[in-house]
C-alpha cells in the first residue's frame, strides 16, 4: 500500500489543501484523498507534490507491504 507524508508536509509548509492543489494542478478533494490514502497519485502528480516540498519522491511517498492475517 502506498503511504505518504503529504498531510504532515503540507502543515509544515502552512498550505491548505486548496493551496497545494493549485500548486500541483489538482483539486482540494484529490489532495484530501491522497492524504487519507484513498487515492494513489500518478507518478507525474507524485513528482509535482515532492517538488513543492523540495524533497526526493521517496521521502514523501513509499510502499508499505500489506499484512496477510
N, C-alpha and C. Protein backbone atom coordinates (compact mmCIF):
# COMPACT_ATOMS: atom_id res chain seq x y z
N UNK A 1 0.84 -1.17 0.00
CA UNK A 1 0.00 0.00 0.00
C UNK A 1 0.89 1.25 0.00
N UNK A 2 0.50 2.22 -0.79
CA UNK A 2 1.26 3.45 -0.89
C UNK A 2 1.00 4.33 0.33
N UNK A 3 2.05 4.72 1.03
CA UNK A 3 1.96 5.59 2.20
C UNK A 3 2.56 6.95 1.82
N UNK A 4 2.20 7.98 2.59
CA UNK A 4 2.74 9.31 2.28
C UNK A 4 2.77 10.21 3.50
N UNK A 5 3.52 11.29 3.37
CA UNK A 5 3.66 12.32 4.41
C UNK A 5 3.06 13.65 3.96
N UNK A 6 2.14 13.61 3.03
CA UNK A 6 1.63 14.84 2.43
C UNK A 6 0.97 15.73 3.48
N UNK A 7 0.13 15.18 4.35
CA UNK A 7 -0.56 16.00 5.36
C UNK A 7 0.46 16.68 6.27
N UNK A 8 1.44 15.91 6.74
CA UNK A 8 2.48 16.45 7.63
C UNK A 8 3.26 17.56 6.95
N UNK A 9 3.68 17.32 5.71
CA UNK A 9 4.47 18.31 4.99
C UNK A 9 3.65 19.55 4.64
N UNK A 10 2.40 19.33 4.27
CA UNK A 10 1.53 20.46 3.95
C UNK A 10 1.37 21.38 5.16
N UNK A 11 1.22 20.77 6.34
CA UNK A 11 1.09 21.56 7.57
C UNK A 11 2.39 22.31 7.86
N UNK A 12 3.52 21.64 7.66
CA UNK A 12 4.81 22.28 7.91
C UNK A 12 5.01 23.49 7.00
N UNK A 13 4.54 23.38 5.77
CA UNK A 13 4.69 24.47 4.80
C UNK A 13 3.53 25.47 4.89
N UNK A 14 2.63 25.24 5.83
CA UNK A 14 1.47 26.11 6.06
C UNK A 14 0.63 26.30 4.80
N UNK A 15 0.33 25.19 4.15
CA UNK A 15 -0.50 25.20 2.95
C UNK A 15 -1.84 24.53 3.26
N UNK A 16 -2.92 25.09 2.76
CA UNK A 16 -4.20 24.40 2.84
C UNK A 16 -4.24 23.34 1.73
N UNK A 17 -5.23 22.48 1.79
CA UNK A 17 -5.38 21.50 0.71
C UNK A 17 -5.60 22.21 -0.62
N UNK A 18 -6.36 23.30 -0.58
CA UNK A 18 -6.60 24.08 -1.81
C UNK A 18 -5.32 24.71 -2.33
N UNK A 19 -4.50 25.25 -1.42
CA UNK A 19 -3.23 25.85 -1.83
C UNK A 19 -2.34 24.83 -2.53
N UNK A 20 -2.21 23.65 -1.91
CA UNK A 20 -1.38 22.61 -2.52
C UNK A 20 -1.98 22.17 -3.85
N UNK A 21 -3.28 22.03 -3.89
CA UNK A 21 -3.95 21.64 -5.13
C UNK A 21 -3.63 22.60 -6.27
N UNK A 22 -3.65 23.89 -5.99
CA UNK A 22 -3.34 24.88 -7.02
C UNK A 22 -1.90 24.74 -7.51
N UNK A 23 -0.99 24.44 -6.59
CA UNK A 23 0.42 24.31 -6.96
C UNK A 23 0.69 23.08 -7.83
N UNK A 24 -0.14 22.04 -7.66
CA UNK A 24 0.09 20.78 -8.39
C UNK A 24 -0.97 20.54 -9.47
N UNK A 25 -1.85 21.53 -9.69
CA UNK A 25 -2.91 21.44 -10.68
C UNK A 25 -3.85 20.26 -10.38
N UNK A 26 -4.33 20.23 -9.12
CA UNK A 26 -5.27 19.20 -8.69
C UNK A 26 -6.31 19.86 -7.80
N UNK A 27 -7.39 19.16 -7.51
CA UNK A 27 -8.42 19.72 -6.65
C UNK A 27 -8.10 19.49 -5.18
N UNK A 28 -8.77 20.25 -4.33
CA UNK A 28 -8.65 20.07 -2.88
C UNK A 28 -9.09 18.65 -2.50
N UNK A 29 -10.12 18.15 -3.17
CA UNK A 29 -10.61 16.81 -2.89
C UNK A 29 -9.56 15.75 -3.20
N UNK A 30 -8.83 15.93 -4.29
CA UNK A 30 -7.77 14.99 -4.65
C UNK A 30 -6.67 14.99 -3.60
N UNK A 31 -6.27 16.18 -3.14
CA UNK A 31 -5.24 16.28 -2.10
C UNK A 31 -5.71 15.55 -0.85
N UNK A 32 -6.97 15.77 -0.45
CA UNK A 32 -7.51 15.10 0.73
C UNK A 32 -7.51 13.59 0.59
N UNK A 33 -7.88 13.10 -0.58
CA UNK A 33 -7.90 11.65 -0.81
C UNK A 33 -6.49 11.06 -0.78
N UNK A 34 -5.52 11.79 -1.32
CA UNK A 34 -4.12 11.33 -1.27
C UNK A 34 -3.66 11.26 0.18
N UNK A 35 -3.97 12.28 0.96
CA UNK A 35 -3.55 12.32 2.37
C UNK A 35 -4.13 11.15 3.16
N UNK A 36 -5.38 10.80 2.88
CA UNK A 36 -6.03 9.70 3.60
C UNK A 36 -5.64 8.32 3.07
N UNK A 37 -4.95 8.29 1.94
CA UNK A 37 -4.57 7.02 1.35
C UNK A 37 -5.67 6.39 0.52
N UNK A 38 -6.70 7.17 0.21
CA UNK A 38 -7.81 6.67 -0.60
C UNK A 38 -7.54 6.77 -2.10
N UNK A 39 -6.46 7.45 -2.46
CA UNK A 39 -6.13 7.67 -3.87
C UNK A 39 -4.61 7.64 -4.02
N UNK A 40 -4.14 6.84 -4.96
CA UNK A 40 -2.70 6.80 -5.27
C UNK A 40 -2.46 7.70 -6.47
N UNK A 41 -1.66 8.74 -6.30
CA UNK A 41 -1.44 9.67 -7.40
C UNK A 41 -0.61 9.04 -8.52
N UNK A 42 -0.75 9.60 -9.69
CA UNK A 42 0.11 9.19 -10.81
C UNK A 42 1.55 9.56 -10.47
N UNK A 43 2.47 9.01 -11.21
CA UNK A 43 3.88 9.34 -10.98
C UNK A 43 4.09 10.83 -11.19
N UNK A 44 3.49 11.40 -12.23
CA UNK A 44 3.66 12.82 -12.51
C UNK A 44 3.13 13.67 -11.36
N UNK A 45 1.97 13.32 -10.82
CA UNK A 45 1.40 14.08 -9.72
C UNK A 45 2.23 13.92 -8.45
N UNK A 46 2.71 12.72 -8.18
CA UNK A 46 3.57 12.49 -7.02
C UNK A 46 4.86 13.30 -7.13
N UNK A 47 5.41 13.39 -8.34
CA UNK A 47 6.62 14.19 -8.55
C UNK A 47 6.35 15.67 -8.32
N UNK A 48 5.20 16.15 -8.79
CA UNK A 48 4.84 17.56 -8.56
C UNK A 48 4.75 17.85 -7.06
N UNK A 49 4.13 16.93 -6.31
CA UNK A 49 3.99 17.12 -4.87
C UNK A 49 5.37 17.17 -4.21
N UNK A 50 6.24 16.23 -4.57
CA UNK A 50 7.57 16.20 -3.97
C UNK A 50 8.37 17.46 -4.33
N UNK A 51 8.14 18.00 -5.52
CA UNK A 51 8.84 19.22 -5.93
C UNK A 51 8.37 20.43 -5.10
N UNK A 52 7.08 20.48 -4.78
CA UNK A 52 6.57 21.57 -3.94
C UNK A 52 7.29 21.58 -2.60
N UNK A 53 7.50 20.39 -2.03
CA UNK A 53 8.15 20.28 -0.73
C UNK A 53 9.67 20.20 -0.82
N UNK A 54 10.19 20.26 -2.03
CA UNK A 54 11.64 20.21 -2.29
C UNK A 54 12.30 19.01 -1.62
N UNK A 55 11.65 17.85 -1.79
CA UNK A 55 12.16 16.60 -1.23
C UNK A 55 12.18 15.53 -2.31
N UNK A 56 13.06 14.55 -2.16
CA UNK A 56 13.04 13.42 -3.09
C UNK A 56 11.70 12.68 -2.96
N UNK A 57 11.25 12.12 -4.04
CA UNK A 57 9.98 11.41 -4.08
C UNK A 57 9.84 10.39 -2.95
N UNK A 58 10.91 9.63 -2.70
CA UNK A 58 10.84 8.56 -1.70
C UNK A 58 10.76 9.08 -0.26
N UNK A 59 10.97 10.38 -0.06
CA UNK A 59 10.79 10.95 1.28
C UNK A 59 9.35 11.44 1.49
N UNK A 60 8.57 11.44 0.43
CA UNK A 60 7.18 11.84 0.52
C UNK A 60 6.27 10.62 0.39
N UNK A 61 6.62 9.71 -0.51
CA UNK A 61 5.81 8.50 -0.76
C UNK A 61 6.68 7.26 -0.62
N UNK A 62 6.09 6.18 -0.11
CA UNK A 62 6.79 4.90 -0.03
C UNK A 62 5.76 3.78 -0.01
N UNK A 63 6.22 2.59 -0.39
CA UNK A 63 5.36 1.41 -0.37
C UNK A 63 5.52 0.68 0.95
N UNK A 64 4.39 0.30 1.52
CA UNK A 64 4.40 -0.49 2.75
C UNK A 64 3.68 -1.79 2.44
N UNK A 65 4.32 -2.91 2.79
CA UNK A 65 3.70 -4.19 2.50
C UNK A 65 2.43 -4.37 3.31
N UNK A 66 1.42 -4.94 2.64
CA UNK A 66 0.18 -5.25 3.34
C UNK A 66 0.35 -6.54 4.11
N UNK A 67 -0.18 -6.57 5.31
CA UNK A 67 -0.08 -7.76 6.16
C UNK A 67 -1.20 -8.72 5.83
N UNK A 68 -0.86 -9.95 5.62
CA UNK A 68 -1.85 -11.00 5.37
C UNK A 68 -2.10 -11.76 6.67
N UNK A 69 -3.24 -11.53 7.27
CA UNK A 69 -3.55 -12.22 8.53
C UNK A 69 -4.23 -13.54 8.29
